[in-house]
Amino acid sequence: MNELNGKWTVSLDEEYFNECEYFDTKEEAINFGKSYEEFEGRGFYVGQVEAIPMHTDFLGDHCIEYIQEHHFNNDGEFGQEYLDDVKKEHLVELDEIIKNAVLDWATKYNYHPRHFFVRSVEYIESEGE
């Protein structure tokens, strides 16, 4: 999934971490920030990356709804009640099948989310502040 999960990063902006530098430890990130030319003489923020998982919940519901709409639109009233009687346990099974298929596909083609949250943000004062 996101290989950056748990890494530390730095930024001049508390909300927008876009320096594209990542470190295994907070201390490494702070040391980088203190020596980074673009931060020279300025305080900066350090924070820890938290990966965002691909949201694959309740895809079975969406799939059933799409199939129902397709049948209603193409078959008229005869398709109106199609799949209204799907049992809860069968829907749970369908959810799991679709979830696994989507995650396998995302892994195979590297389509997992590349965006992330930054948590545990802390301001680091510059030497001159």
N, C-alpha and C. Protein backbone atom coordinates (compact mmCIF):
# COMPACT_ATOMS: atom_id res chain seq x y z
N MET A 1 0.83 -1.17 0.00
CA MET A 1 0.00 0.00 0.00
C MET A 1 0.88 1.25 0.00
N ASN A 2 0.76 2.10 0.99
CA ASN A 2 1.54 3.33 0.96
C ASN A 2 2.84 3.12 1.73
N GLU A 3 3.94 3.04 0.99
CA GLU A 3 5.25 2.78 1.58
C GLU A 3 5.75 3.93 2.47
N LEU A 4 5.06 5.05 2.45
CA LEU A 4 5.45 6.20 3.28
C LEU A 4 4.82 6.16 4.67
N ASN A 5 3.90 5.24 4.91
CA ASN A 5 3.21 5.19 6.19
C ASN A 5 4.21 5.10 7.34
N GLY A 6 4.08 6.01 8.31
CA GLY A 6 4.95 6.02 9.47
C GLY A 6 6.21 6.85 9.30
N LYS A 7 6.50 7.27 8.08
CA LYS A 7 7.69 8.10 7.84
C LYS A 7 7.42 9.51 8.38
N TRP A 8 8.47 10.30 8.48
CA TRP A 8 8.39 11.68 8.94
C TRP A 8 8.75 12.62 7.80
N THR A 9 8.13 13.78 7.78
CA THR A 9 8.38 14.75 6.71
C THR A 9 8.37 16.17 7.28
N VAL A 10 8.77 17.13 6.47
CA VAL A 10 8.89 18.51 6.92
C VAL A 10 8.21 19.46 5.95
N SER A 11 7.87 20.66 6.45
CA SER A 11 7.24 21.67 5.61
C SER A 11 7.32 23.04 6.29
N LEU A 12 7.27 24.08 5.47
CA LEU A 12 7.16 25.43 6.02
C LEU A 12 5.71 25.75 6.36
N ASP A 13 4.80 24.97 5.81
CA ASP A 13 3.36 25.19 5.98
C ASP A 13 2.79 24.07 6.85
N GLU A 14 2.04 24.45 7.85
CA GLU A 14 1.49 23.47 8.80
C GLU A 14 0.49 22.50 8.16
N GLU A 15 -0.11 22.89 7.03
CA GLU A 15 -1.14 22.07 6.42
C GLU A 15 -0.74 21.42 5.10
N TYR A 16 0.26 21.95 4.44
CA TYR A 16 0.60 21.46 3.10
C TYR A 16 2.05 20.96 3.09
N PHE A 17 2.21 19.64 3.22
CA PHE A 17 3.53 19.03 3.26
C PHE A 17 3.89 18.56 1.86
N ASN A 18 4.69 19.34 1.17
CA ASN A 18 5.00 19.04 -0.23
C ASN A 18 6.50 19.05 -0.54
N GLU A 19 7.33 18.89 0.45
CA GLU A 19 8.78 18.90 0.21
C GLU A 19 9.27 17.59 -0.41
N CYS A 20 8.47 16.55 -0.32
CA CYS A 20 8.78 15.23 -0.91
C CYS A 20 10.07 14.64 -0.34
N GLU A 21 10.32 14.91 0.91
CA GLU A 21 11.45 14.31 1.62
C GLU A 21 10.86 13.55 2.81
N TYR A 22 11.27 12.27 2.97
CA TYR A 22 10.69 11.42 4.00
C TYR A 22 11.80 10.71 4.76
N PHE A 23 11.58 10.52 6.06
CA PHE A 23 12.61 9.99 6.92
C PHE A 23 12.04 8.94 7.86
N ASP A 24 12.89 8.02 8.28
CA ASP A 24 12.45 6.94 9.18
C ASP A 24 12.15 7.44 10.58
N THR A 25 12.87 8.49 11.02
CA THR A 25 12.66 8.98 12.37
C THR A 25 12.37 10.48 12.37
N LYS A 26 11.75 10.92 13.44
CA LYS A 26 11.46 12.33 13.63
C LYS A 26 12.77 13.12 13.70
N GLU A 27 13.75 12.58 14.38
CA GLU A 27 15.03 13.26 14.54
C GLU A 27 15.72 13.48 13.19
N GLU A 28 15.65 12.48 12.31
CA GLU A 28 16.23 12.64 10.97
C GLU A 28 15.53 13.76 10.21
N ALA A 29 14.22 13.82 10.32
CA ALA A 29 13.45 14.87 9.64
C ALA A 29 13.82 16.24 10.19
N ILE A 30 13.93 16.36 11.50
CA ILE A 30 14.29 17.64 12.12
C ILE A 30 15.70 18.05 11.68
N ASN A 31 16.64 17.13 11.69
CA ASN A 31 18.01 17.45 11.25
C ASN A 31 18.03 17.91 9.80
N PHE A 32 17.24 17.24 8.96
CA PHE A 32 17.15 17.67 7.57
C PHE A 32 16.60 19.08 7.48
N GLY A 33 15.50 19.34 8.19
CA GLY A 33 14.87 20.66 8.16
C GLY A 33 15.81 21.77 8.60
N LYS A 34 16.62 21.48 9.60
CA LYS A 34 17.57 22.48 10.10
C LYS A 34 18.68 22.78 9.10
N SER A 35 19.00 21.83 8.25
CA SER A 35 20.07 22.04 7.27
C SER A 35 19.56 22.30 5.86
N TYR A 36 18.25 22.25 5.67
CA TYR A 36 17.66 22.41 4.35
C TYR A 36 17.75 23.88 3.93
N GLU A 37 18.37 24.12 2.80
CA GLU A 37 18.63 25.48 2.33
C GLU A 37 17.37 26.34 2.25
N GLU A 38 16.29 25.77 1.76
CA GLU A 38 15.05 26.54 1.59
C GLU A 38 14.43 26.96 2.93
N PHE A 39 14.80 26.29 4.02
CA PHE A 39 14.27 26.62 5.34
C PHE A 39 15.21 27.54 6.12
N GLU A 40 16.32 27.87 5.55
CA GLU A 40 17.38 28.59 6.25
C GLU A 40 16.85 29.82 7.00
N GLY A 41 17.10 29.85 8.31
CA GLY A 41 16.68 30.97 9.14
C GLY A 41 15.20 31.00 9.47
N ARG A 42 14.48 29.97 9.11
CA ARG A 42 13.04 29.93 9.34
C ARG A 42 12.66 28.68 10.13
N GLY A 43 11.64 28.82 10.93
CA GLY A 43 11.09 27.65 11.61
C GLY A 43 10.32 26.81 10.60
N PHE A 44 10.06 25.57 10.96
CA PHE A 44 9.36 24.67 10.05
C PHE A 44 8.55 23.67 10.85
N TYR A 45 7.76 22.90 10.15
CA TYR A 45 6.92 21.89 10.78
C TYR A 45 7.44 20.50 10.44
N VAL A 46 7.30 19.61 11.39
CA VAL A 46 7.63 18.21 11.18
C VAL A 46 6.38 17.40 11.54
N GLY A 47 6.12 16.36 10.78
CA GLY A 47 4.94 15.53 11.05
C GLY A 47 5.11 14.13 10.50
N GLN A 48 4.26 13.24 10.98
CA GLN A 48 4.35 11.83 10.59
C GLN A 48 3.25 11.47 9.59
N VAL A 49 3.66 10.77 8.54
CA VAL A 49 2.75 10.36 7.46
C VAL A 49 1.84 9.24 7.94
N GLU A 50 0.55 9.39 7.64
CA GLU A 50 -0.43 8.33 7.89
C GLU A 50 -1.09 7.99 6.56
N ALA A 51 -0.87 6.78 6.10
CA ALA A 51 -1.42 6.34 4.81
C ALA A 51 -2.95 6.33 4.86
N ILE A 52 -3.55 6.60 3.73
CA ILE A 52 -5.01 6.53 3.59
C ILE A 52 -5.32 5.27 2.80
N PRO A 53 -6.06 4.35 3.40
CA PRO A 53 -6.37 3.11 2.69
C PRO A 53 -7.39 3.35 1.58
N MET A 54 -7.37 2.49 0.60
CA MET A 54 -8.39 2.55 -0.45
C MET A 54 -9.73 2.19 0.18
N HIS A 55 -10.72 3.01 -0.03
CA HIS A 55 -12.04 2.76 0.54
C HIS A 55 -12.80 1.77 -0.32
N THR A 56 -13.00 0.58 0.23
CA THR A 56 -13.65 -0.50 -0.51
C THR A 56 -14.87 -1.05 0.23
N ASP A 57 -15.37 -0.29 1.19
CA ASP A 57 -16.53 -0.75 1.96
C ASP A 57 -17.82 -0.58 1.17
N PHE A 58 -18.72 -1.50 1.37
CA PHE A 58 -20.09 -1.45 0.83
C PHE A 58 -20.15 -1.42 -0.69
N LEU A 59 -19.17 -1.97 -1.35
CA LEU A 59 -19.21 -2.01 -2.81
C LEU A 59 -20.27 -2.99 -3.31
N GLY A 60 -20.58 -3.99 -2.50
CA GLY A 60 -21.64 -4.93 -2.87
C GLY A 60 -22.98 -4.22 -3.02
N ASP A 61 -23.28 -3.30 -2.09
CA ASP A 61 -24.51 -2.51 -2.18
C ASP A 61 -24.57 -1.73 -3.49
N HIS A 62 -23.45 -1.08 -3.83
CA HIS A 62 -23.41 -0.30 -5.07
C HIS A 62 -23.56 -1.19 -6.29
N CYS A 63 -22.94 -2.34 -6.24
CA CYS A 63 -23.01 -3.29 -7.37
C CYS A 63 -24.46 -3.77 -7.57
N ILE A 64 -25.09 -4.18 -6.48
CA ILE A 64 -26.49 -4.64 -6.55
C ILE A 64 -27.38 -3.52 -7.08
N GLU A 65 -27.19 -2.30 -6.55
CA GLU A 65 -28.00 -1.16 -6.99
C GLU A 65 -27.80 -0.88 -8.48
N TYR A 66 -26.57 -0.95 -8.95
CA TYR A 66 -26.29 -0.72 -10.37
C TYR A 66 -26.99 -1.79 -11.24
N ILE A 67 -26.89 -3.05 -10.81
CA ILE A 67 -27.52 -4.13 -11.55
C ILE A 67 -29.05 -3.94 -11.58
N GLN A 68 -29.61 -3.56 -10.44
CA GLN A 68 -31.05 -3.33 -10.38
C GLN A 68 -31.47 -2.21 -11.33
N GLU A 69 -30.74 -1.10 -11.29
CA GLU A 69 -31.06 0.03 -12.17
C GLU A 69 -30.95 -0.37 -13.64
N HIS A 70 -29.92 -1.13 -13.94
CA HIS A 70 -29.73 -1.58 -15.33
C HIS A 70 -30.93 -2.43 -15.78
N HIS A 71 -31.36 -3.36 -14.94
CA HIS A 71 -32.49 -4.20 -15.31
C HIS A 71 -33.78 -3.39 -15.41
N PHE A 72 -33.99 -2.47 -14.49
CA PHE A 72 -35.19 -1.65 -14.55
C PHE A 72 -35.19 -0.78 -15.81
N ASN A 73 -34.06 -0.17 -16.11
CA ASN A 73 -33.96 0.70 -17.30
C ASN A 73 -34.09 -0.06 -18.60
N ASN A 74 -33.65 -1.31 -18.62
CA ASN A 74 -33.67 -2.09 -19.85
C ASN A 74 -34.84 -3.05 -19.96
N ASP A 75 -35.36 -3.48 -18.81
CA ASP A 75 -36.42 -4.48 -18.83
C ASP A 75 -37.76 -3.93 -18.35
N GLY A 76 -37.75 -2.68 -17.95
CA GLY A 76 -38.99 -2.06 -17.46
C GLY A 76 -39.43 -2.63 -16.13
N GLU A 77 -40.72 -2.60 -15.91
CA GLU A 77 -41.26 -3.01 -14.62
C GLU A 77 -40.96 -4.47 -14.28
N PHE A 78 -40.65 -5.28 -15.28
CA PHE A 78 -40.34 -6.68 -15.02
C PHE A 78 -39.03 -6.82 -14.24
N GLY A 79 -38.14 -5.86 -14.37
CA GLY A 79 -36.87 -5.90 -13.67
C GLY A 79 -36.85 -5.07 -12.40
N GLN A 80 -37.98 -4.48 -12.05
CA GLN A 80 -38.05 -3.53 -10.95
C GLN A 80 -37.67 -4.14 -9.60
N GLU A 81 -38.06 -5.36 -9.33
CA GLU A 81 -37.80 -5.97 -8.03
C GLU A 81 -36.64 -6.95 -8.05
N TYR A 82 -35.94 -7.00 -9.15
CA TYR A 82 -34.82 -7.93 -9.26
C TYR A 82 -33.77 -7.63 -8.18
N LEU A 83 -33.35 -8.64 -7.49
CA LEU A 83 -32.34 -8.62 -6.42
C LEU A 83 -32.79 -7.89 -5.15
N ASP A 84 -34.07 -7.62 -5.02
CA ASP A 84 -34.57 -7.03 -3.77
C ASP A 84 -34.53 -8.03 -2.61
N ASP A 85 -34.41 -9.31 -2.93
CA ASP A 85 -34.46 -10.34 -1.90
C ASP A 85 -33.07 -10.92 -1.56
N VAL A 86 -32.01 -10.18 -1.86
CA VAL A 86 -30.66 -10.65 -1.53
C VAL A 86 -30.53 -10.71 -0.01
N LYS A 87 -30.09 -11.86 0.50
CA LYS A 87 -29.92 -12.04 1.95
C LYS A 87 -28.70 -11.26 2.43
N LYS A 88 -28.77 -10.80 3.68
CA LYS A 88 -27.70 -10.01 4.28
C LYS A 88 -26.36 -10.75 4.20
N GLU A 89 -26.35 -12.02 4.54
CA GLU A 89 -25.10 -12.79 4.52
C GLU A 89 -24.53 -12.93 3.10
N HIS A 90 -25.41 -12.95 2.11
CA HIS A 90 -24.95 -13.02 0.72
C HIS A 90 -24.36 -11.67 0.29
N LEU A 91 -24.95 -10.58 0.78
CA LEU A 91 -24.41 -9.25 0.49
C LEU A 91 -23.04 -9.06 1.15
N VAL A 92 -22.90 -9.55 2.38
CA VAL A 92 -21.61 -9.48 3.08
C VAL A 92 -20.56 -10.27 2.28
N GLU A 93 -20.94 -11.43 1.78
CA GLU A 93 -20.02 -12.24 0.97
C GLU A 93 -19.63 -11.50 -0.32
N LEU A 94 -20.62 -10.89 -0.97
CA LEU A 94 -20.34 -10.13 -2.19
C LEU A 94 -19.41 -8.96 -1.89
N ASP A 95 -19.65 -8.26 -0.79
CA ASP A 95 -18.76 -7.16 -0.37
C ASP A 95 -17.32 -7.64 -0.28
N GLU A 96 -17.13 -8.77 0.37
CA GLU A 96 -15.77 -9.30 0.58
C GLU A 96 -15.12 -9.70 -0.74
N ILE A 97 -15.87 -10.32 -1.61
CA ILE A 97 -15.35 -10.73 -2.92
C ILE A 97 -14.92 -9.51 -3.73
N ILE A 98 -15.77 -8.49 -3.77
CA ILE A 98 -15.46 -7.28 -4.54
C ILE A 98 -14.28 -6.55 -3.91
N LYS A 99 -14.29 -6.42 -2.58
CA LYS A 99 -13.19 -5.75 -1.88
C LYS A 99 -11.86 -6.40 -2.22
N ASN A 100 -11.78 -7.72 -2.11
CA ASN A 100 -10.53 -8.43 -2.41
C ASN A 100 -10.11 -8.26 -3.86
N ALA A 101 -11.08 -8.31 -4.76
CA ALA A 101 -10.76 -8.14 -6.19
C ALA A 101 -10.21 -6.74 -6.46
N VAL A 102 -10.84 -5.72 -5.89
CA VAL A 102 -10.40 -4.34 -6.10
C VAL A 102 -9.02 -4.12 -5.50
N LEU A 103 -8.79 -4.63 -4.30
CA LEU A 103 -7.47 -4.46 -3.67
C LEU A 103 -6.37 -5.20 -4.44
N ASP A 104 -6.67 -6.40 -4.91
CA ASP A 104 -5.70 -7.13 -5.74
C ASP A 104 -5.39 -6.36 -7.02
N TRP A 105 -6.42 -5.82 -7.65
CA TRP A 105 -6.25 -5.03 -8.87
C TRP A 105 -5.40 -3.80 -8.59
N ALA A 106 -5.72 -3.09 -7.50
CA ALA A 106 -4.97 -1.87 -7.14
C ALA A 106 -3.51 -2.19 -6.86
N THR A 107 -3.25 -3.31 -6.23
CA THR A 107 -1.87 -3.72 -5.95
C THR A 107 -1.15 -4.08 -7.24
N LYS A 108 -1.81 -4.83 -8.09
CA LYS A 108 -1.19 -5.26 -9.35
C LYS A 108 -0.76 -4.08 -10.21
N TYR A 109 -1.59 -3.05 -10.27
CA TYR A 109 -1.32 -1.91 -11.16
C TYR A 109 -0.89 -0.64 -10.41
N ASN A 110 -0.63 -0.77 -9.12
CA ASN A 110 -0.16 0.33 -8.30
C ASN A 110 -1.14 1.51 -8.29
N TYR A 111 -2.40 1.21 -8.00
CA TYR A 111 -3.44 2.23 -7.94
C TYR A 111 -3.90 2.56 -6.52
N HIS A 112 -3.12 2.17 -5.52
CA HIS A 112 -3.49 2.54 -4.15
C HIS A 112 -3.32 4.05 -4.00
N PRO A 113 -4.05 4.66 -3.07
CA PRO A 113 -3.94 6.11 -2.87
C PRO A 113 -2.49 6.52 -2.59
N ARG A 114 -2.09 7.60 -3.22
CA ARG A 114 -0.74 8.14 -3.00
C ARG A 114 -0.79 9.35 -2.06
N HIS A 115 -1.99 9.86 -1.81
CA HIS A 115 -2.14 10.98 -0.88
C HIS A 115 -2.19 10.41 0.54
N PHE A 116 -1.98 11.28 1.52
CA PHE A 116 -1.90 10.83 2.90
C PHE A 116 -2.20 11.98 3.85
N PHE A 117 -2.41 11.63 5.10
CA PHE A 117 -2.54 12.62 6.16
C PHE A 117 -1.17 12.81 6.78
N VAL A 118 -0.97 13.96 7.42
CA VAL A 118 0.23 14.16 8.23
C VAL A 118 -0.25 14.43 9.65
N ARG A 119 0.18 13.58 10.57
CA ARG A 119 -0.26 13.65 11.98
C ARG A 119 0.93 14.03 12.86
N SER A 120 0.64 14.27 14.11
CA SER A 120 1.67 14.61 15.11
C SER A 120 2.54 15.76 14.65
N VAL A 121 1.90 16.78 14.09
CA VAL A 121 2.63 17.94 13.55
C VAL A 121 3.16 18.80 14.70
N GLU A 122 4.40 19.18 14.56
CA GLU A 122 5.06 19.99 15.59
C GLU A 122 5.89 21.09 14.93
N TYR A 123 5.86 22.28 15.50
CA TYR A 123 6.65 23.40 14.98
C TYR A 123 8.04 23.32 15.57
N ILE A 124 9.04 23.47 14.69
CA ILE A 124 10.44 23.47 15.11
C ILE A 124 10.99 24.88 14.85
N GLU A 125 11.41 25.54 15.90
CA GLU A 125 11.95 26.89 15.74
C GLU A 125 13.34 26.84 15.09
N SER A 126 13.63 27.87 14.32
CA SER A 126 14.97 27.96 13.73
C SER A 126 15.95 28.43 14.80
N GLU A 127 17.22 28.25 14.51
CA GLU A 127 18.26 28.66 15.45
C GLU A 127 18.17 30.15 15.77
N GLY A 128 17.72 30.98 14.82
CA GLY A 128 17.69 32.42 14.99
C GLY A 128 16.41 32.96 15.61
N GLU A 129 15.43 32.11 15.88
CA GLU A 129 14.15 32.62 16.39
C GLU A 129 14.19 32.81 17.89
